[in-house]
C-alpha atoms as a PDB file:
ATOM      1  CA  MET A   1      -3.042   5.470 -25.249  1.00  0.00           C
ATOM      2  CA  ASP A   2      -3.262   9.241 -25.390  1.00  0.00           C
ATOM      3  CA  ARG A   3      -1.721  11.077 -22.452  1.00  0.00           C
ATOM      4  CA  ASN A   4      -1.547  14.759 -21.704  1.00  0.00           C
ATOM      5  CA  TYR A   5       1.484  14.369 -19.476  1.00  0.00           C
ATOM      6  CA  GLU A   6       3.643  11.938 -17.602  1.00  0.00           C
ATOM      7  CA  PHE A   7       4.203  13.056 -14.039  1.00  0.00           C
ATOM      8  CA  ASN A   8       7.455  14.779 -13.191  1.00  0.00           C
ATOM      9  CA  TRP A   9       8.315  17.191 -10.398  1.00  0.00           C
ATOM     10  CA  ASP A  10       8.145  20.204 -12.744  1.00  0.00           C
ATOM     11  CA  ILE A  11       4.376  19.746 -13.093  1.00  0.00           C
ATOM     12  CA  ILE A  12       4.047  20.975  -9.487  1.00  0.00           C
ATOM     13  CA  GLY A  13       5.229  24.350 -10.756  1.00  0.00           C
ATOM     14  CA  ASP A  14       6.956  27.323  -9.181  1.00  0.00           C
ATOM     15  CA  LEU A  15       4.856  28.038  -6.128  1.00  0.00           C
ATOM     16  CA  ASN A  16       6.796  31.173  -5.237  1.00  0.00           C
ATOM     17  CA  GLU A  17       5.959  32.689  -8.621  1.00  0.00           C
ATOM     18  CA  GLY A  18       2.427  31.357  -8.892  1.00  0.00           C
ATOM     19  CA  ARG A  19       1.327  31.961  -5.297  1.00  0.00           C
ATOM     20  CA  PRO A  20       3.376  34.879  -3.987  1.00  0.00           C
ATOM     21  CA  ASN A  21       0.729  35.793  -1.407  1.00  0.00           C
ATOM     22  CA  LEU A  22      -0.782  32.432  -0.505  1.00  0.00           C
ATOM     23  CA  GLY A  23       2.377  30.297  -0.660  1.00  0.00           C
ATOM     24  CA  ASP A  24       2.363  26.507  -0.488  1.00  0.00           C
ATOM     25  CA  LYS A  25      -0.206  26.079   2.291  1.00  0.00           C
ATOM     26  CA  VAL A  26      -3.802  24.936   1.842  1.00  0.00           C
ATOM     27  CA  ASN A  27      -6.462  23.880   4.312  1.00  0.00           C
ATOM     28  CA  LEU A  28      -6.582  20.119   4.931  1.00  0.00           C
ATOM     29  CA  VAL A  29     -10.333  20.120   4.287  1.00  0.00           C
ATOM     30  CA  LEU A  30      -9.690  21.163   0.676  1.00  0.00           C
ATOM     31  CA  TYR A  31      -7.059  18.449   0.179  1.00  0.00           C
ATOM     32  CA  ARG A  32      -9.499  15.832   1.482  1.00  0.00           C
ATOM     33  CA  LEU A  33     -12.321  17.309  -0.594  1.00  0.00           C
ATOM     34  CA  MET A  34     -10.240  16.735  -3.725  1.00  0.00           C
ATOM     35  CA  GLN A  35      -9.048  13.266  -2.663  1.00  0.00           C
ATOM     36  CA  TYR A  36     -12.400  11.862  -1.644  1.00  0.00           C
ATOM     37  CA  THR A  37     -14.331  13.296  -4.598  1.00  0.00           C
ATOM     38  CA  PHE A  38     -11.713  11.701  -6.890  1.00  0.00           C
ATOM     39  CA  ARG A  39     -12.177   8.441  -4.993  1.00  0.00           C
ATOM     40  CA  ASP A  40     -15.960   8.689  -5.330  1.00  0.00           C
ATOM     41  CA  VAL A  41     -15.901   9.303  -9.084  1.00  0.00           C
ATOM     42  CA  THR A  42     -13.215   6.668  -9.687  1.00  0.00           C
ATOM     43  CA  GLU A  43     -15.086   4.073  -7.645  1.00  0.00           C
ATOM     44  CA  GLN A  44     -18.365   4.852  -9.462  1.00  0.00           C
ATOM     45  CA  LYS A  45     -16.738   4.472 -12.875  1.00  0.00           C
ATOM     46  CA  LEU A  46     -14.261   1.639 -12.243  1.00  0.00           C
ATOM     47  CA  GLY A  47     -15.295  -0.119  -9.031  1.00  0.00           C
ATOM     48  CA  THR A  48     -13.737  -0.276  -5.594  1.00  0.00           C
ATOM     49  CA  GLU A  49     -10.848  -2.616  -6.399  1.00  0.00           C
ATOM     50  CA  ALA A  50      -9.691  -0.594  -9.418  1.00  0.00           C
ATOM     51  CA  CYS A  51     -10.098   2.650  -7.475  1.00  0.00           C
ATOM     52  CA  ASN A  52      -7.947   1.343  -4.627  1.00  0.00           C
ATOM     53  CA  GLN A  53      -5.296   0.140  -7.085  1.00  0.00           C
ATOM     54  CA  LEU A  54      -5.228   3.509  -8.869  1.00  0.00           C
ATOM     55  CA  PHE A  55      -4.683   5.299  -5.567  1.00  0.00           C
ATOM     56  CA  TYR A  56      -1.943   2.810  -4.619  1.00  0.00           C
ATOM     57  CA  ASP A  57      -0.243   3.308  -7.992  1.00  0.00           C
ATOM     58  CA  ALA A  58      -0.472   7.111  -7.728  1.00  0.00           C
ATOM     59  CA  GLY A  59       0.976   6.959  -4.215  1.00  0.00           C
ATOM     60  CA  TYR A  60       3.786   4.753  -5.503  1.00  0.00           C
ATOM     61  CA  ILE A  61       4.759   7.312  -8.129  1.00  0.00           C
ATOM     62  CA  ALA A  62       4.469  10.099  -5.556  1.00  0.00           C
ATOM     63  CA  GLY A  63       6.640   8.189  -3.064  1.00  0.00           C
ATOM     64  CA  LYS A  64       9.433   7.804  -5.607  1.00  0.00           C
ATOM     65  CA  PHE A  65       9.364  11.491  -6.561  1.00  0.00           C
ATOM     66  CA  PHE A  66       9.015  12.506  -2.910  1.00  0.00           C
ATOM     67  CA  PHE A  67      12.161  10.504  -2.128  1.00  0.00           C
ATOM     68  CA  ASP A  68      14.069  12.153  -4.976  1.00  0.00           C
ATOM     69  CA  HIS A  69      12.992  15.631  -3.904  1.00  0.00           C
ATOM     70  CA  TYR A  70      13.167  15.383  -0.098  1.00  0.00           C
ATOM     71  CA  LEU A  71      15.206  12.319   0.871  1.00  0.00           C
ATOM     72  CA  ALA A  72      17.803  11.463  -1.785  1.00  0.00           C
ATOM     73  CA  GLU A  73      20.626  13.073   0.184  1.00  0.00           C
ATOM     74  CA  PHE A  74      19.967  10.571   3.000  1.00  0.00           C
ATOM     75  CA  LYS A  75      20.084   7.441   0.808  1.00  0.00           C
ATOM     76  CA  THR A  76      23.504   6.405   2.121  1.00  0.00           C
ATOM     77  CA  LEU A  77      22.511   6.654   5.781  1.00  0.00           C
ATOM     78  CA  PRO A  78      21.975   3.438   7.707  1.00  0.00           C
ATOM     79  CA  LEU A  79      18.323   2.507   8.179  1.00  0.00           C
ATOM     80  CA  ASN A  80      17.960   4.195  11.587  1.00  0.00           C
ATOM     81  CA  GLY A  81      19.376   7.463  10.260  1.00  0.00           C
ATOM     82  CA  PHE A  82      17.236   7.351   7.150  1.00  0.00           C
ATOM     83  CA  VAL A  83      14.081   6.659   9.167  1.00  0.00           C
ATOM     84  CA  ALA A  84      14.891   9.611  11.455  1.00  0.00           C
ATOM     85  CA  GLU A  85      15.092  11.900   8.415  1.00  0.00           C
ATOM     86  CA  LEU A  86      11.909  10.445   6.937  1.00  0.00           C
ATOM     87  CA  GLN A  87      10.130  11.037  10.262  1.00  0.00           C
ATOM     88  CA  ARG A  88      11.366  14.613  10.382  1.00  0.00           C
ATOM     89  CA  VAL A  89      10.312  15.427   6.816  1.00  0.00           C
ATOM     90  CA  MET A  90       6.906  13.792   7.153  1.00  0.00           C
ATOM     91  CA  LYS A  91       6.202  15.739  10.333  1.00  0.00           C
ATOM     92  CA  GLU A  92       7.495  19.046   8.943  1.00  0.00           C
ATOM     93  CA  LEU A  93       5.314  18.712   5.849  1.00  0.00           C
ATOM     94  CA  GLY A  94       2.253  17.699   7.870  1.00  0.00           C
ATOM     95  CA  ILE A  95       1.965  14.234   6.291  1.00  0.00           C
ATOM     96  CA  GLY A  96       1.859  12.438   9.623  1.00  0.00           C
ATOM     97  CA  ILE A  97       3.890  11.182  12.544  1.00  0.00           C
ATOM     98  CA  LEU A  98       5.819   8.080  11.483  1.00  0.00           C
ATOM     99  CA  ARG A  99       6.852   5.395  13.945  1.00  0.00           C
ATOM    100  CA  VAL A 100       8.543   2.051  13.369  1.00  0.00           C
ATOM    101  CA  GLU A 101       6.886  -0.629  15.494  1.00  0.00           C
ATOM    102  CA  ALA A 102       8.899  -3.558  14.179  1.00  0.00           C
ATOM    103  CA  ALA A 103      11.784  -3.954  11.771  1.00  0.00           C
ATOM    104  CA  ASP A 104      13.558  -6.985  10.381  1.00  0.00           C
ATOM    105  CA  PRO A 105      15.812  -5.537   7.676  1.00  0.00           C
ATOM    106  CA  GLU A 106      17.292  -8.969   6.893  1.00  0.00           C
ATOM    107  CA  LYS A 107      13.863 -10.335   5.980  1.00  0.00           C
ATOM    108  CA  GLY A 108      12.746  -7.014   4.531  1.00  0.00           C
ATOM    109  CA  GLU A 109       9.741  -6.805   6.866  1.00  0.00           C
ATOM    110  CA  PHE A 110       8.575  -3.719   8.729  1.00  0.00           C
ATOM    111  CA  THR A 111       5.543  -2.536  10.641  1.00  0.00           C
ATOM    112  CA  LEU A 112       5.047   1.218  10.505  1.00  0.00           C
ATOM    113  CA  THR A 113       2.444   3.512  11.994  1.00  0.00           C
ATOM    114  CA  VAL A 114       1.458   6.968  10.835  1.00  0.00           C
ATOM    115  CA  GLY A 115      -0.351   9.044  13.439  1.00  0.00           C
ATOM    116  CA  GLU A 116      -2.354  12.134  12.542  1.00  0.00           C
ATOM    117  CA  ASP A 117      -2.354  10.816   8.993  1.00  0.00           C
ATOM    118  CA  LEU A 118      -3.030  13.407   6.305  1.00  0.00           C
ATOM    119  CA  ASP A 119      -5.572  11.214   4.547  1.00  0.00           C
ATOM    120  CA  CYS A 120      -7.814   9.865   7.279  1.00  0.00           C
ATOM    121  CA  SER A 121      -7.231  10.985  10.868  1.00  0.00           C
ATOM    122  CA  GLY A 122     -10.499  12.304  12.203  1.00  0.00           C
ATOM    123  CA  LEU A 123     -12.723  10.685   9.580  1.00  0.00           C
ATOM    124  CA  PRO A 124     -15.706   8.608  10.713  1.00  0.00           C
ATOM    125  CA  ASP A 125     -15.348   4.889  11.390  1.00  0.00           C
ATOM    126  CA  LEU A 126     -16.290   3.369   8.026  1.00  0.00           C
ATOM    127  CA  GLY A 127     -15.209  -0.157   8.901  1.00  0.00           C
ATOM    128  CA  ILE A 128     -12.579  -0.150   6.121  1.00  0.00           C
ATOM    129  CA  GLU A 129      -8.976   0.870   5.530  1.00  0.00           C
ATOM    130  CA  VAL A 130      -8.783   3.846   3.152  1.00  0.00           C
ATOM    131  CA  CYS A 131      -5.085   4.717   2.923  1.00  0.00           C
ATOM    132  CA  ASN A 132      -4.299   3.040  -0.402  1.00  0.00           C
ATOM    133  CA  TYR A 133      -2.410   6.126  -1.549  1.00  0.00           C
ATOM    134  CA  ASP A 134      -0.247   5.923   1.588  1.00  0.00           C
ATOM    135  CA  GLU A 135       0.452   2.241   0.917  1.00  0.00           C
ATOM    136  CA  GLY A 136       1.872   3.086  -2.494  1.00  0.00           C
ATOM    137  CA  PHE A 137       3.693   6.138  -1.125  1.00  0.00           C
ATOM    138  CA  ILE A 138       5.506   4.007   1.450  1.00  0.00           C
ATOM    139  CA  ALA A 139       6.351   1.302  -1.116  1.00  0.00           C
ATOM    140  CA  GLY A 140       7.768   3.938  -3.483  1.00  0.00           C
ATOM    141  CA  ILE A 141       9.971   5.409  -0.758  1.00  0.00           C
ATOM    142  CA  PHE A 142      11.243   1.942   0.240  1.00  0.00           C
ATOM    143  CA  LEU A 143      12.055   1.161  -3.406  1.00  0.00           C
ATOM    144  CA  LYS A 144      14.121   4.315  -3.782  1.00  0.00           C
ATOM    145  CA  TYR A 145      15.935   3.833  -0.468  1.00  0.00           C
ATOM    146  CA  THR A 146      16.731   0.123  -0.872  1.00  0.00           C
ATOM    147  CA  GLY A 147      16.684  -0.408  -4.640  1.00  0.00           C
ATOM    148  CA  GLN A 148      14.295  -3.333  -4.019  1.00  0.00           C
ATOM    149  CA  GLN A 149      10.576  -3.738  -4.595  1.00  0.00           C
ATOM    150  CA  PHE A 150       8.348  -3.562  -1.522  1.00  0.00           C
ATOM    151  CA  LYS A 151       4.622  -3.986  -0.996  1.00  0.00           C
ATOM    152  CA  ALA A 152       2.890  -1.988   1.733  1.00  0.00           C
ATOM    153  CA  LYS A 153      -0.522  -3.000   3.087  1.00  0.00           C
ATOM    154  CA  GLU A 154      -2.549  -1.041   5.612  1.00  0.00           C
ATOM    155  CA  ILE A 155      -3.731  -3.332   8.405  1.00  0.00           C
ATOM    156  CA  ASP A 156      -5.224  -0.741  10.791  1.00  0.00           C
ATOM    157  CA  CYS A 157      -6.763   2.618   9.932  1.00  0.00           C
ATOM    158  CA  TRP A 158      -8.563   5.476  11.624  1.00  0.00           C
ATOM    159  CA  CYS A 159     -11.498   4.602   9.351  1.00  0.00           C
ATOM    160  CA  SER A 160     -11.569   1.024  10.613  1.00  0.00           C
ATOM    161  CA  GLY A 161     -11.793   2.099  14.234  1.00  0.00           C
ATOM    162  CA  ASP A 162      -8.124   2.494  15.146  1.00  0.00           C
ATOM    163  CA  ARG A 163      -6.553   5.799  16.069  1.00  0.00           C
ATOM    164  CA  THR A 164      -3.431   5.337  13.978  1.00  0.00           C
ATOM    165  CA  CYS A 165      -2.709   3.883  10.564  1.00  0.00           C
ATOM    166  CA  ARG A 166      -0.566   0.755  10.632  1.00  0.00           C
ATOM    167  CA  PHE A 167       1.194  -0.712   7.623  1.00  0.00           C
ATOM    168  CA  ASP A 168       2.882  -4.040   6.995  1.00  0.00           C
ATOM    169  CA  VAL A 169       5.744  -3.410   4.598  1.00  0.00           C
ATOM    170  CA  LYS A 170       7.427  -6.415   2.997  1.00  0.00           C
ATOM    171  CA  ARG A 171      10.027  -6.944   0.330  1.00  0.00           C
ATOM    172  CA  ALA A 172       8.234  -8.241  -2.756  1.00  0.00           C
END
């Protein structure tokens, strides 16, 4: 298979050099415009299931790199300390407001919520969960923190009528 690149953090570039006046900020509308037009084209060409899996897989890669770039120094913290740092970083970067509703570290089972979610908060009620990218993102972060595979599944979403996104996260 031909590939133009394999993702690595360098592909994000030097934002200070490339955007000395505009910096690293962009309007959320433009982020969603890109995300949902990609979803539309991907779903048209590959179908809904493949589209959702591609977004999950992309989120998974992003979660692992996000951990390496923003969270690696907190890897040795106990779970509560790590979650506090993850909450702080997610809020500071405008990703969302993370809460842990339930945690059973022994079983490897967690229920997380993300309020004001970057991907969907404020969208119309579509009757479906749309945060496949977030599912993968969470699973990637859990892999890097624990060294074990996890699967994240959104069970409530702004787009399914809830006002927060809720994820079941389980060790695979």
